[in-house]
Amino acid sequence: MQQKAGIEPRATFHDLRALFLSLLAAEGILQSDLMRLAGHKSFLTTNRYYITPTQGYEGRAAQMIDRILGGRE
């Protein structure tokens, strides 16, 4: 439809799917749930093609480790 209208596609279905799964992963959704949502039989497929690190994930991971080990925020 976009091609017929002469509009350059900006995002594909797979781009949106990757964004959806990456955002859920960043919010802590379980890997097994992400795999099921994607309809994959193996998480390796989901991880390899759809889940990308989001900005700030290192900081969130460090905060989580601090909270677990030291009880601070």
PDB file of N, CA and C in Angstrom:
ATOM      1  N   MET A   1       0.816  -1.171   0.000  1.00  0.00           N
ATOM      2  CA  MET A   1       0.000   0.000   0.000  1.00  0.00           C
ATOM      3  C   MET A   1       0.879   1.261   0.000  1.00  0.00           C
ATOM      4  N   GLN A   2       1.955   1.239   0.805  1.00  0.00           N
ATOM      5  CA  GLN A   2       2.842   2.395   0.861  1.00  0.00           C
ATOM      6  C   GLN A   2       3.512   2.638  -0.490  1.00  0.00           C
ATOM      7  N   GLN A   3       3.929   1.549  -1.139  1.00  0.00           N
ATOM      8  CA  GLN A   3       4.580   1.691  -2.442  1.00  0.00           C
ATOM      9  C   GLN A   3       3.622   2.271  -3.475  1.00  0.00           C
ATOM     10  N   LYS A   4       2.384   1.820  -3.484  1.00  0.00           N
ATOM     11  CA  LYS A   4       1.391   2.341  -4.415  1.00  0.00           C
ATOM     12  C   LYS A   4       1.166   3.837  -4.198  1.00  0.00           C
ATOM     13  N   ALA A   5       1.243   4.268  -2.952  1.00  0.00           N
ATOM     14  CA  ALA A   5       1.030   5.675  -2.631  1.00  0.00           C
ATOM     15  C   ALA A   5       2.295   6.506  -2.827  1.00  0.00           C
ATOM     16  N   GLY A   6       3.412   5.822  -3.139  1.00  0.00           N
ATOM     17  CA  GLY A   6       4.671   6.538  -3.331  1.00  0.00           C
ATOM     18  C   GLY A   6       5.334   6.968  -2.046  1.00  0.00           C
ATOM     19  N   ILE A   7       4.997   6.303  -0.964  1.00  0.00           N
ATOM     20  CA  ILE A   7       5.565   6.625   0.346  1.00  0.00           C
ATOM     21  C   ILE A   7       6.659   5.616   0.654  1.00  0.00           C
ATOM     22  N   GLU A   8       7.821   6.136   1.044  1.00  0.00           N
ATOM     23  CA  GLU A   8       8.912   5.256   1.453  1.00  0.00           C
ATOM     24  C   GLU A   8       8.564   4.620   2.796  1.00  0.00           C
ATOM     25  N   PRO A   9       8.644   3.305   2.890  1.00  0.00           N
ATOM     26  CA  PRO A   9       8.353   2.672   4.187  1.00  0.00           C
ATOM     27  C   PRO A   9       9.412   3.064   5.219  1.00  0.00           C
ATOM     28  N   ARG A  10       8.955   3.477   6.379  1.00  0.00           N
ATOM     29  CA  ARG A  10       9.871   3.884   7.443  1.00  0.00           C
ATOM     30  C   ARG A  10      10.135   2.737   8.418  1.00  0.00           C
ATOM     31  N   ALA A  11       9.137   1.960   8.674  1.00  0.00           N
ATOM     32  CA  ALA A  11       9.288   0.849   9.606  1.00  0.00           C
ATOM     33  C   ALA A  11       8.549  -0.357   9.040  1.00  0.00           C
ATOM     34  N   THR A  12       9.198  -1.505   9.124  1.00  0.00           N
ATOM     35  CA  THR A  12       8.567  -2.731   8.656  1.00  0.00           C
ATOM     36  C   THR A  12       7.855  -3.401   9.822  1.00  0.00           C
ATOM     37  N   PHE A  13       7.085  -4.405   9.507  1.00  0.00           N
ATOM     38  CA  PHE A  13       6.430  -5.197  10.540  1.00  0.00           C
ATOM     39  C   PHE A  13       7.477  -5.759  11.501  1.00  0.00           C
ATOM     40  N   HIS A  14       8.590  -6.248  10.948  1.00  0.00           N
ATOM     41  CA  HIS A  14       9.621  -6.849  11.803  1.00  0.00           C
ATOM     42  C   HIS A  14      10.327  -5.797  12.661  1.00  0.00           C
ATOM     43  N   ASP A  15      10.468  -4.586  12.147  1.00  0.00           N
ATOM     44  CA  ASP A  15      11.021  -3.501  12.967  1.00  0.00           C
ATOM     45  C   ASP A  15      10.129  -3.243  14.174  1.00  0.00           C
ATOM     46  N   LEU A  16       8.824  -3.181  13.939  1.00  0.00           N
ATOM     47  CA  LEU A  16       7.880  -2.935  15.033  1.00  0.00           C
ATOM     48  C   LEU A  16       7.841  -4.106  16.007  1.00  0.00           C
ATOM     49  N   ARG A  17       7.934  -5.311  15.483  1.00  0.00           N
ATOM     50  CA  ARG A  17       7.962  -6.504  16.325  1.00  0.00           C
ATOM     51  C   ARG A  17       9.206  -6.498  17.209  1.00  0.00           C
ATOM     52  N   ALA A  18      10.358  -6.140  16.623  1.00  0.00           N
ATOM     53  CA  ALA A  18      11.606  -6.067  17.385  1.00  0.00           C
ATOM     54  C   ALA A  18      11.507  -5.006  18.479  1.00  0.00           C
ATOM     55  N   LEU A  19      10.934  -3.870  18.150  1.00  0.00           N
ATOM     56  CA  LEU A  19      10.757  -2.807  19.143  1.00  0.00           C
ATOM     57  C   LEU A  19       9.862  -3.283  20.285  1.00  0.00           C
ATOM     58  N   PHE A  20       8.747  -3.898  19.949  1.00  0.00           N
ATOM     59  CA  PHE A  20       7.807  -4.422  20.942  1.00  0.00           C
ATOM     60  C   PHE A  20       8.503  -5.391  21.899  1.00  0.00           C
ATOM     61  N   LEU A  21       9.224  -6.358  21.343  1.00  0.00           N
ATOM     62  CA  LEU A  21       9.885  -7.352  22.187  1.00  0.00           C
ATOM     63  C   LEU A  21      11.027  -6.743  22.990  1.00  0.00           C
ATOM     64  N   SER A  22      11.780  -5.806  22.399  1.00  0.00           N
ATOM     65  CA  SER A  22      12.872  -5.154  23.122  1.00  0.00           C
ATOM     66  C   SER A  22      12.362  -4.332  24.300  1.00  0.00           C
ATOM     67  N   LEU A  23      11.263  -3.623  24.089  1.00  0.00           N
ATOM     68  CA  LEU A  23      10.698  -2.823  25.180  1.00  0.00           C
ATOM     69  C   LEU A  23      10.178  -3.708  26.308  1.00  0.00           C
ATOM     70  N   LEU A  24       9.550  -4.816  25.953  1.00  0.00           N
ATOM     71  CA  LEU A  24       9.083  -5.746  26.991  1.00  0.00           C
ATOM     72  C   LEU A  24      10.260  -6.345  27.748  1.00  0.00           C
ATOM     73  N   ALA A  25      11.320  -6.696  27.031  1.00  0.00           N
ATOM     74  CA  ALA A  25      12.521  -7.243  27.678  1.00  0.00           C
ATOM     75  C   ALA A  25      13.115  -6.222  28.644  1.00  0.00           C
ATOM     76  N   ALA A  26      13.139  -4.954  28.231  1.00  0.00           N
ATOM     77  CA  ALA A  26      13.686  -3.895  29.085  1.00  0.00           C
ATOM     78  C   ALA A  26      12.863  -3.708  30.355  1.00  0.00           C
ATOM     79  N   GLU A  27      11.593  -4.056  30.291  1.00  0.00           N
ATOM     80  CA  GLU A  27      10.721  -3.938  31.465  1.00  0.00           C
ATOM     81  C   GLU A  27      10.755  -5.191  32.339  1.00  0.00           C
ATOM     82  N   GLY A  28      11.568  -6.163  31.941  1.00  0.00           N
ATOM     83  CA  GLY A  28      11.751  -7.341  32.780  1.00  0.00           C
ATOM     84  C   GLY A  28      10.821  -8.510  32.486  1.00  0.00           C
ATOM     85  N   ILE A  29      10.149  -8.492  31.350  1.00  0.00           N
ATOM     86  CA  ILE A  29       9.295  -9.624  30.983  1.00  0.00           C
ATOM     87  C   ILE A  29      10.175 -10.871  30.834  1.00  0.00           C
ATOM     88  N   LEU A  30       9.721 -11.976  31.331  1.00  0.00           N
ATOM     89  CA  LEU A  30      10.504 -13.215  31.285  1.00  0.00           C
ATOM     90  C   LEU A  30      10.815 -13.626  29.854  1.00  0.00           C
ATOM     91  N   GLN A  31      12.011 -14.173  29.663  1.00  0.00           N
ATOM     92  CA  GLN A  31      12.440 -14.616  28.340  1.00  0.00           C
ATOM     93  C   GLN A  31      11.480 -15.647  27.754  1.00  0.00           C
ATOM     94  N   SER A  32      10.990 -16.522  28.587  1.00  0.00           N
ATOM     95  CA  SER A  32      10.065 -17.547  28.094  1.00  0.00           C
ATOM     96  C   SER A  32       8.758 -16.914  27.593  1.00  0.00           C
ATOM     97  N   ASP A  33       8.325 -15.848  28.239  1.00  0.00           N
ATOM     98  CA  ASP A  33       7.115 -15.155  27.793  1.00  0.00           C
ATOM     99  C   ASP A  33       7.357 -14.415  26.476  1.00  0.00           C
ATOM    100  N   LEU A  34       8.527 -13.796  26.352  1.00  0.00           N
ATOM    101  CA  LEU A  34       8.876 -13.127  25.092  1.00  0.00           C
ATOM    102  C   LEU A  34       8.895 -14.121  23.935  1.00  0.00           C
ATOM    103  N   MET A  35       9.472 -15.279  24.188  1.00  0.00           N
ATOM    104  CA  MET A  35       9.549 -16.325  23.170  1.00  0.00           C
ATOM    105  C   MET A  35       8.144 -16.727  22.717  1.00  0.00           C
ATOM    106  N   ARG A  36       7.252 -16.912  23.671  1.00  0.00           N
ATOM    107  CA  ARG A  36       5.877 -17.299  23.330  1.00  0.00           C
ATOM    108  C   ARG A  36       5.156 -16.194  22.570  1.00  0.00           C
ATOM    109  N   LEU A  37       5.339 -14.958  23.007  1.00  0.00           N
ATOM    110  CA  LEU A  37       4.714 -13.832  22.314  1.00  0.00           C
ATOM    111  C   LEU A  37       5.186 -13.735  20.865  1.00  0.00           C
ATOM    112  N   ALA A  38       6.454 -14.060  20.644  1.00  0.00           N
ATOM    113  CA  ALA A  38       7.010 -14.008  19.293  1.00  0.00           C
ATOM    114  C   ALA A  38       6.595 -15.221  18.462  1.00  0.00           C
ATOM    115  N   GLY A  39       6.117 -16.261  19.143  1.00  0.00           N
ATOM    116  CA  GLY A  39       5.726 -17.479  18.431  1.00  0.00           C
ATOM    117  C   GLY A  39       6.901 -18.358  18.051  1.00  0.00           C
ATOM    118  N   HIS A  40       7.992 -18.221  18.798  1.00  0.00           N
ATOM    119  CA  HIS A  40       9.179 -19.027  18.512  1.00  0.00           C
ATOM    120  C   HIS A  40       9.226 -20.262  19.398  1.00  0.00           C
ATOM    121  N   LYS A  41       9.888 -21.296  18.909  1.00  0.00           N
ATOM    122  CA  LYS A  41      10.073 -22.513  19.696  1.00  0.00           C
ATOM    123  C   LYS A  41      11.331 -22.436  20.552  1.00  0.00           C
ATOM    124  N   SER A  42      12.235 -21.560  20.190  1.00  0.00           N
ATOM    125  CA  SER A  42      13.501 -21.423  20.905  1.00  0.00           C
ATOM    126  C   SER A  42      13.748 -19.958  21.243  1.00  0.00           C
ATOM    127  N   PHE A  43      14.196 -19.713  22.471  1.00  0.00           N
ATOM    128  CA  PHE A  43      14.502 -18.335  22.837  1.00  0.00           C
ATOM    129  C   PHE A  43      15.698 -17.825  22.058  1.00  0.00           C
ATOM    130  N   LEU A  44      16.572 -18.705  21.620  1.00  0.00           N
ATOM    131  CA  LEU A  44      17.733 -18.266  20.845  1.00  0.00           C
ATOM    132  C   LEU A  44      17.300 -17.483  19.607  1.00  0.00           C
ATOM    133  N   THR A  45      16.234 -17.932  18.975  1.00  0.00           N
ATOM    134  CA  THR A  45      15.717 -17.222  17.802  1.00  0.00           C
ATOM    135  C   THR A  45      15.214 -15.844  18.194  1.00  0.00           C
ATOM    136  N   THR A  46      14.443 -15.785  19.250  1.00  0.00           N
ATOM    137  CA  THR A  46      13.908 -14.507  19.720  1.00  0.00           C
ATOM    138  C   THR A  46      15.048 -13.557  20.071  1.00  0.00           C
ATOM    139  N   ASN A  47      16.008 -14.046  20.808  1.00  0.00           N
ATOM    140  CA  ASN A  47      17.124 -13.229  21.262  1.00  0.00           C
ATOM    141  C   ASN A  47      17.985 -12.767  20.085  1.00  0.00           C
ATOM    142  N   ARG A  48      18.261 -13.639  19.168  1.00  0.00           N
ATOM    143  CA  ARG A  48      19.150 -13.323  18.053  1.00  0.00           C
ATOM    144  C   ARG A  48      18.562 -12.273  17.117  1.00  0.00           C
ATOM    145  N   TYR A  49      17.289 -12.374  16.818  1.00  0.00           N
ATOM    146  CA  TYR A  49      16.713 -11.525  15.783  1.00  0.00           C
ATOM    147  C   TYR A  49      15.852 -10.365  16.273  1.00  0.00           C
ATOM    148  N   TYR A  50      15.388 -10.419  17.488  1.00  0.00           N
ATOM    149  CA  TYR A  50      14.403  -9.423  17.892  1.00  0.00           C
ATOM    150  C   TYR A  50      14.748  -8.596  19.110  1.00  0.00           C
ATOM    151  N   ILE A  51      15.545  -9.111  20.009  1.00  0.00           N
ATOM    152  CA  ILE A  51      15.779  -8.369  21.243  1.00  0.00           C
ATOM    153  C   ILE A  51      17.109  -7.636  21.159  1.00  0.00           C
ATOM    154  N   THR A  52      17.031  -6.314  21.308  1.00  0.00           N
ATOM    155  CA  THR A  52      18.228  -5.487  21.270  1.00  0.00           C
ATOM    156  C   THR A  52      18.322  -4.720  22.577  1.00  0.00           C
ATOM    157  N   PRO A  53      19.539  -4.460  23.033  1.00  0.00           N
ATOM    158  CA  PRO A  53      19.677  -3.695  24.276  1.00  0.00           C
ATOM    159  C   PRO A  53      19.086  -2.304  24.117  1.00  0.00           C
ATOM    160  N   THR A  54      18.466  -1.820  25.172  1.00  0.00           N
ATOM    161  CA  THR A  54      17.909  -0.470  25.147  1.00  0.00           C
ATOM    162  C   THR A  54      18.838   0.459  25.903  1.00  0.00           C
ATOM    163  N   GLN A  55      18.737   1.724  25.605  1.00  0.00           N
ATOM    164  CA  GLN A  55      19.572   2.715  26.248  1.00  0.00           C
ATOM    165  C   GLN A  55      19.314   2.707  27.747  1.00  0.00           C
ATOM    166  N   GLY A  56      20.388   2.720  28.534  1.00  0.00           N
ATOM    167  CA  GLY A  56      20.259   2.771  29.979  1.00  0.00           C
ATOM    168  C   GLY A  56      20.172   1.416  30.653  1.00  0.00           C
ATOM    169  N   TYR A  57      20.260   0.330  29.880  1.00  0.00           N
ATOM    170  CA  TYR A  57      20.119  -0.984  30.508  1.00  0.00           C
ATOM    171  C   TYR A  57      21.245  -1.277  31.486  1.00  0.00           C
ATOM    172  N   GLU A  58      22.455  -0.743  31.240  1.00  0.00           N
ATOM    173  CA  GLU A  58      23.568  -0.998  32.159  1.00  0.00           C
ATOM    174  C   GLU A  58      23.275  -0.390  33.521  1.00  0.00           C
ATOM    175  N   GLY A  59      22.741   0.818  33.512  1.00  0.00           N
ATOM    176  CA  GLY A  59      22.424   1.489  34.772  1.00  0.00           C
ATOM    177  C   GLY A  59      21.344   0.768  35.553  1.00  0.00           C
ATOM    178  N   ARG A  60      20.317   0.309  34.840  1.00  0.00           N
ATOM    179  CA  ARG A  60      19.240  -0.430  35.514  1.00  0.00           C
ATOM    180  C   ARG A  60      19.766  -1.739  36.078  1.00  0.00           C
ATOM    181  N   ALA A  61      20.631  -2.407  35.333  1.00  0.00           N
ATOM    182  CA  ALA A  61      21.200  -3.667  35.819  1.00  0.00           C
ATOM    183  C   ALA A  61      22.047  -3.419  37.063  1.00  0.00           C
ATOM    184  N   ALA A  62      22.845  -2.364  37.045  1.00  0.00           N
ATOM    185  CA  ALA A  62      23.680  -2.038  38.209  1.00  0.00           C
ATOM    186  C   ALA A  62      22.818  -1.708  39.418  1.00  0.00           C
ATOM    187  N   GLN A  63      21.732  -0.957  39.214  1.00  0.00           N
ATOM    188  CA  GLN A  63      20.832  -0.635  40.318  1.00  0.00           C
ATOM    189  C   GLN A  63      20.194  -1.889  40.899  1.00  0.00           C
ATOM    190  N   MET A  64      19.830  -2.813  40.035  1.00  0.00           N
ATOM    191  CA  MET A  64      19.223  -4.051  40.507  1.00  0.00           C
ATOM    192  C   MET A  64      20.211  -4.865  41.343  1.00  0.00           C
ATOM    193  N   ILE A  65      21.457  -4.957  40.871  1.00  0.00           N
ATOM    194  CA  ILE A  65      22.483  -5.704  41.623  1.00  0.00           C
ATOM    195  C   ILE A  65      22.720  -5.035  42.975  1.00  0.00           C
ATOM    196  N   ASP A  66      22.830  -3.717  42.980  1.00  0.00           N
ATOM    197  CA  ASP A  66      23.004  -2.994  44.253  1.00  0.00           C
ATOM    198  C   ASP A  66      21.851  -3.273  45.208  1.00  0.00           C
ATOM    199  N   ARG A  67      20.638  -3.259  44.678  1.00  0.00           N
ATOM    200  CA  ARG A  67      19.468  -3.491  45.529  1.00  0.00           C
ATOM    201  C   ARG A  67      19.485  -4.920  46.085  1.00  0.00           C
ATOM    202  N   ILE A  68      19.845  -5.877  45.249  1.00  0.00           N
ATOM    203  CA  ILE A  68      19.877  -7.272  45.698  1.00  0.00           C
ATOM    204  C   ILE A  68      20.971  -7.495  46.731  1.00  0.00           C
ATOM    205  N   LEU A  69      22.155  -6.966  46.468  1.00  0.00           N
ATOM    206  CA  LEU A  69      23.308  -7.230  47.336  1.00  0.00           C
ATOM    207  C   LEU A  69      23.412  -6.279  48.517  1.00  0.00           C
ATOM    208  N   GLY A  70      22.992  -5.038  48.305  1.00  0.00           N
ATOM    209  CA  GLY A  70      23.207  -4.068  49.363  1.00  0.00           C
ATOM    210  C   GLY A  70      21.951  -3.460  49.944  1.00  0.00           C
ATOM    211  N   GLY A  71      20.829  -3.755  49.359  1.00  0.00           N
ATOM    212  CA  GLY A  71      19.589  -3.224  49.876  1.00  0.00           C
ATOM    213  C   GLY A  71      19.409  -1.743  49.678  1.00  0.00           C
ATOM    214  N   ARG A  72      20.102  -1.187  48.682  1.00  0.00           N
ATOM    215  CA  ARG A  72      19.954   0.246  48.440  1.00  0.00           C
ATOM    216  C   ARG A  72      19.486   0.484  47.009  1.00  0.00           C
ATOM    217  N   GLU A  73      19.030   1.668  46.752  1.00  0.00           N
ATOM    218  CA  GLU A  73      18.454   2.034  45.445  1.00  0.00           C
ATOM    219  C   GLU A  73      19.480   2.743  44.601  1.00  0.00           C
TER     220      GLU A  73
END
